[in-house]
Amino acid sequence: MIKVWDVPTRLFHWTLAAVFAGLWFSAEQGGDWMEWHLRLGMLMLALLLFRVLWGLCGSQTARFGNFLAGPARIRAYLAGQLPVTAQPGHNPLGGWMVLVLLLALLLQTGLGLFAADVNSYLYDGPLKALLGNDELAEQVTGWHKDWFDVLLLLAVMHVLAVAFYKVGRNTDLVRPMLSGMKALPADAAPLRFAPPWLAPVLLLLAALLVFGGVSWLAASVAA
């Protein structure tokens, strides 16, 4: 067994799944639950920004440049010609799925910043005032709700893909994301992992950019 996933990547994965479930639940409940929906939305945006930063300067298997493959590599993978040691983390198809999910979630959280609480207007998105009028905010809210259906479809596709690899290819993708360890040949090249201090620094930076930046923009409109 060889370590392929670091702690920050694994914590991000499972925390994001929990926050996504919380956003779904709070939106379905409505009412005062929308206050939690706003909080979780900001938390998700901070997590996503952290993952972007981690994908640029984090551990080897977490970097976009490591798992976003070109057409030739994808064809080799589909033809079964890509050795397992060449794909220790995400396989070429899974890597692109990760990017699609991140972009889809970033769009959803971005729309949420400008959305309106059309039932009571008590829990509007923090940047809703930037739009200037309620009509446009309500239109953005409609996009926000419709895009969630796309996210659900992507989530189902992700789960089905994991199930397919487990049943069809006898490859467990869940356990490595829990333990960080994966069965690879003994001659597999050692992977490079980021220093332990880097993830907390990037997470703090992401939180400051999201919460501080949104608060500053909201205050600038109110002033």
Protein backbone atom coordinates (compact mmCIF):
# COMPACT_ATOMS: atom_id res chain seq x y z
CA MET A 1 0.00 0.00 0.00
CA ILE A 2 1.26 3.44 -0.95
CA LYS A 3 -0.01 6.83 0.22
CA VAL A 4 -1.69 8.66 -2.66
CA TRP A 5 -4.07 11.13 -0.98
CA ASP A 6 -2.97 13.62 1.65
CA VAL A 7 -5.10 14.66 4.63
CA PRO A 8 -6.17 18.07 3.23
CA THR A 9 -7.49 16.51 0.02
CA ARG A 10 -9.43 13.85 1.92
CA LEU A 11 -10.84 16.32 4.43
CA PHE A 12 -11.88 18.64 1.62
CA HIS A 13 -13.66 15.81 -0.22
CA TRP A 14 -15.76 14.63 2.72
CA THR A 15 -16.38 18.09 4.17
CA LEU A 16 -17.59 19.31 0.78
CA ALA A 17 -20.00 16.37 0.56
CA ALA A 18 -21.37 17.16 4.03
CA VAL A 19 -21.76 20.87 3.26
CA PHE A 20 -23.49 20.05 -0.04
CA ALA A 21 -25.98 17.85 1.85
CA GLY A 22 -26.53 20.63 4.39
CA LEU A 23 -27.19 23.16 1.65
CA TRP A 24 -29.70 20.84 0.04
CA PHE A 25 -31.49 20.20 3.34
CA SER A 26 -31.61 23.85 4.40
CA ALA A 27 -32.92 24.96 1.00
CA GLU A 28 -35.68 22.34 1.14
CA GLN A 29 -36.73 23.44 4.63
CA GLY A 30 -36.79 27.15 3.82
CA GLY A 31 -37.84 29.69 6.44
CA ASP A 32 -35.24 30.38 9.11
CA TRP A 33 -33.16 27.51 7.75
CA MET A 34 -32.13 29.91 5.01
CA GLU A 35 -29.82 31.61 7.50
CA TRP A 36 -27.89 28.33 7.70
CA HIS A 37 -28.11 28.03 3.94
CA LEU A 38 -26.27 31.34 3.62
CA ARG A 39 -23.61 30.33 6.13
CA LEU A 40 -23.03 26.97 4.48
CA GLY A 41 -22.89 28.63 1.07
CA MET A 42 -20.09 30.91 2.24
CA LEU A 43 -18.30 27.94 3.79
CA MET A 44 -18.58 26.04 0.51
CA LEU A 45 -17.18 28.96 -1.44
CA ALA A 46 -14.19 29.13 0.93
CA LEU A 47 -13.65 25.37 0.57
CA LEU A 48 -13.78 25.62 -3.21
CA LEU A 49 -11.29 28.47 -3.28
CA PHE A 50 -9.00 26.44 -1.02
CA ARG A 51 -9.25 23.50 -3.44
CA VAL A 52 -8.32 25.74 -6.35
CA LEU A 53 -5.26 26.96 -4.45
CA TRP A 54 -4.42 23.40 -3.38
CA GLY A 55 -4.75 22.30 -6.99
CA LEU A 56 -2.11 24.83 -7.96
CA CYS A 57 0.48 24.36 -5.21
CA GLY A 58 -0.58 21.38 -3.09
CA SER A 59 0.51 17.74 -3.15
CA GLN A 60 1.28 15.97 -6.41
CA THR A 61 -1.95 13.97 -6.76
CA ALA A 62 -4.05 17.03 -5.86
CA ARG A 63 -2.58 19.30 -8.54
CA PHE A 64 -4.60 20.04 -11.66
CA GLY A 65 -1.50 19.72 -13.79
CA ASN A 66 -1.09 16.17 -12.53
CA PHE A 67 -4.56 14.79 -13.25
CA LEU A 68 -5.97 16.87 -16.13
CA ALA A 69 -4.97 14.68 -19.05
CA GLY A 70 -4.87 15.44 -22.77
CA PRO A 71 -6.64 13.47 -25.54
CA ALA A 72 -3.74 11.04 -26.10
CA ARG A 73 -3.59 10.07 -22.44
CA ILE A 74 -7.35 9.64 -22.29
CA ARG A 75 -7.32 7.37 -25.34
CA ALA A 76 -4.52 5.30 -23.82
CA TYR A 77 -6.51 4.96 -20.59
CA LEU A 78 -9.69 3.90 -22.40
CA ALA A 79 -7.68 1.35 -24.41
CA GLY A 80 -6.20 -0.08 -21.21
CA GLN A 81 -2.69 0.99 -22.23
CA LEU A 82 -2.03 3.37 -19.33
CA PRO A 83 -0.22 1.60 -16.46
CA VAL A 84 -1.67 1.99 -12.99
CA THR A 85 1.55 3.65 -11.83
CA ALA A 86 0.90 6.45 -14.32
CA GLN A 87 -2.42 7.30 -12.63
CA PRO A 88 -1.85 6.93 -8.88
CA GLY A 89 -4.51 9.49 -8.01
CA HIS A 90 -7.38 10.42 -10.31
CA ASN A 91 -7.58 8.56 -13.60
CA PRO A 92 -7.80 10.75 -16.75
CA LEU A 93 -11.62 10.68 -16.84
CA GLY A 94 -11.99 11.17 -13.09
CA GLY A 95 -9.64 14.14 -13.22
CA TRP A 96 -11.83 16.00 -15.67
CA MET A 97 -14.91 15.09 -13.61
CA VAL A 98 -13.26 16.77 -10.62
CA LEU A 99 -12.76 19.97 -12.61
CA VAL A 100 -16.35 19.94 -13.91
CA LEU A 101 -17.70 19.49 -10.37
CA LEU A 102 -15.54 22.30 -9.00
CA LEU A 103 -16.59 24.71 -11.75
CA ALA A 104 -20.26 23.78 -11.38
CA LEU A 105 -20.13 24.34 -7.62
CA LEU A 106 -18.29 27.65 -8.04
CA LEU A 107 -21.01 28.83 -10.42
CA GLN A 108 -23.72 27.77 -7.98
CA THR A 109 -22.15 29.52 -5.00
CA GLY A 110 -21.49 32.58 -7.15
CA LEU A 111 -25.17 32.78 -8.10
CA GLY A 112 -26.11 32.32 -4.46
CA LEU A 113 -24.22 35.46 -3.48
CA PHE A 114 -26.64 37.51 -5.58
CA ALA A 115 -29.84 35.50 -5.00
CA ALA A 116 -32.91 36.80 -3.20
CA ASP A 117 -34.98 35.16 -0.48
CA VAL A 118 -38.18 35.50 -2.50
CA ASN A 119 -40.38 34.34 0.39
CA SER A 120 -39.39 36.84 3.07
CA TYR A 121 -36.34 38.78 1.79
CA LEU A 122 -34.83 38.22 5.25
CA TYR A 123 -32.00 36.02 4.00
CA ASP A 124 -30.93 37.52 0.70
CA GLY A 125 -27.52 36.70 -0.72
CA PRO A 126 -24.88 39.06 0.73
CA LEU A 127 -24.24 40.73 -2.63
CA LYS A 128 -27.84 40.93 -3.80
CA ALA A 129 -27.82 44.73 -3.40
CA LEU A 130 -25.16 44.96 -6.13
CA LEU A 131 -27.79 43.97 -8.69
CA GLY A 132 -29.76 47.13 -8.04
CA ASN A 133 -33.30 45.71 -8.24
CA ASP A 134 -35.34 42.81 -6.91
CA GLU A 135 -36.50 41.65 -10.34
CA LEU A 136 -32.96 40.82 -11.48
CA ALA A 137 -32.20 39.22 -8.12
CA GLU A 138 -35.25 36.99 -8.46
CA GLN A 139 -34.08 35.96 -11.93
CA VAL A 140 -30.68 35.03 -10.50
CA THR A 141 -32.51 33.08 -7.80
CA GLY A 142 -34.27 31.10 -10.52
CA TRP A 143 -30.93 30.27 -12.13
CA HIS A 144 -29.58 29.29 -8.72
CA LYS A 145 -32.45 26.85 -8.20
CA ASP A 146 -32.30 25.42 -11.73
CA TRP A 147 -28.53 24.92 -11.60
CA PHE A 148 -28.94 22.83 -8.46
CA ASP A 149 -30.67 20.20 -10.61
CA VAL A 150 -27.51 20.08 -12.75
CA LEU A 151 -25.43 19.63 -9.61
CA LEU A 152 -27.63 16.75 -8.49
CA LEU A 153 -27.16 15.10 -11.89
CA LEU A 154 -23.39 15.49 -11.63
CA ALA A 155 -23.44 14.09 -8.09
CA VAL A 156 -25.41 11.05 -9.24
CA MET A 157 -22.98 10.53 -12.14
CA HIS A 158 -20.08 10.70 -9.67
CA VAL A 159 -21.64 8.09 -7.38
CA LEU A 160 -22.50 5.82 -10.31
CA ALA A 161 -18.94 6.08 -11.61
CA VAL A 162 -17.58 5.05 -8.20
CA ALA A 163 -20.00 2.11 -8.14
CA PHE A 164 -19.01 1.09 -11.68
CA TYR A 165 -15.31 0.99 -10.78
CA LYS A 166 -16.12 -1.07 -7.70
CA VAL A 167 -18.34 -3.61 -9.48
CA GLY A 168 -17.08 -3.50 -13.06
CA ARG A 169 -13.36 -3.03 -12.53
CA ASN A 170 -12.91 -4.29 -8.97
CA THR A 171 -11.37 -0.95 -8.03
CA ASP A 172 -12.34 0.61 -4.71
CA LEU A 173 -12.19 4.40 -4.98
CA VAL A 174 -13.81 5.10 -1.61
CA ARG A 175 -11.34 3.41 0.74
CA PRO A 176 -8.28 5.30 -0.59
CA MET A 177 -10.16 8.56 -0.11
CA LEU A 178 -10.74 7.54 3.51
CA SER A 179 -7.34 6.10 4.38
CA GLY A 180 -5.16 7.85 1.82
CA MET A 181 -3.59 4.51 0.89
CA LYS A 182 -3.82 2.65 -2.40
CA ALA A 183 -2.48 -0.68 -3.65
CA LEU A 184 0.22 0.09 -6.21
CA PRO A 185 3.18 -1.92 -7.52
CA ALA A 186 6.30 -1.82 -5.36
CA ASP A 187 8.23 -0.11 -8.16
CA ALA A 188 5.83 2.84 -8.29
CA ALA A 189 7.62 6.18 -8.14
CA PRO A 190 7.32 7.96 -4.77
CA LEU A 191 4.78 10.78 -4.73
CA ARG A 192 5.49 14.32 -3.60
CA PHE A 193 3.41 15.77 -0.77
CA ALA A 194 3.13 19.39 0.32
CA PRO A 195 4.46 20.40 3.76
CA PRO A 196 1.90 20.11 6.60
CA TRP A 197 1.80 23.86 7.24
CA LEU A 198 0.76 24.80 3.71
CA ALA A 199 -2.86 23.59 3.82
CA PRO A 200 -3.86 25.61 6.94
CA VAL A 201 -2.24 28.72 5.46
CA LEU A 202 -4.12 28.32 2.16
CA LEU A 203 -7.39 27.57 3.97
CA LEU A 204 -6.99 30.71 6.07
CA LEU A 205 -6.22 32.72 2.95
CA ALA A 206 -9.29 31.33 1.19
CA ALA A 207 -11.51 32.12 4.20
CA LEU A 208 -10.18 35.66 4.42
CA LEU A 209 -10.71 36.25 0.71
CA VAL A 210 -14.27 34.91 0.78
CA PHE A 211 -15.62 36.21 4.07
CA GLY A 212 -13.56 39.41 4.07
CA GLY A 213 -14.07 40.14 0.39
CA VAL A 214 -17.81 39.55 0.45
CA SER A 215 -18.22 41.61 3.64
CA TRP A 216 -16.21 44.46 2.11
CA LEU A 217 -18.29 44.45 -1.08
CA ALA A 218 -21.56 44.31 0.86
CA ALA A 219 -20.47 47.19 3.10
CA SER A 220 -19.35 49.27 0.13
CA VAL A 221 -22.83 49.00 -1.38
CA ALA A 222 -24.57 49.84 1.88
CA ALA A 223 -22.36 52.90 2.49
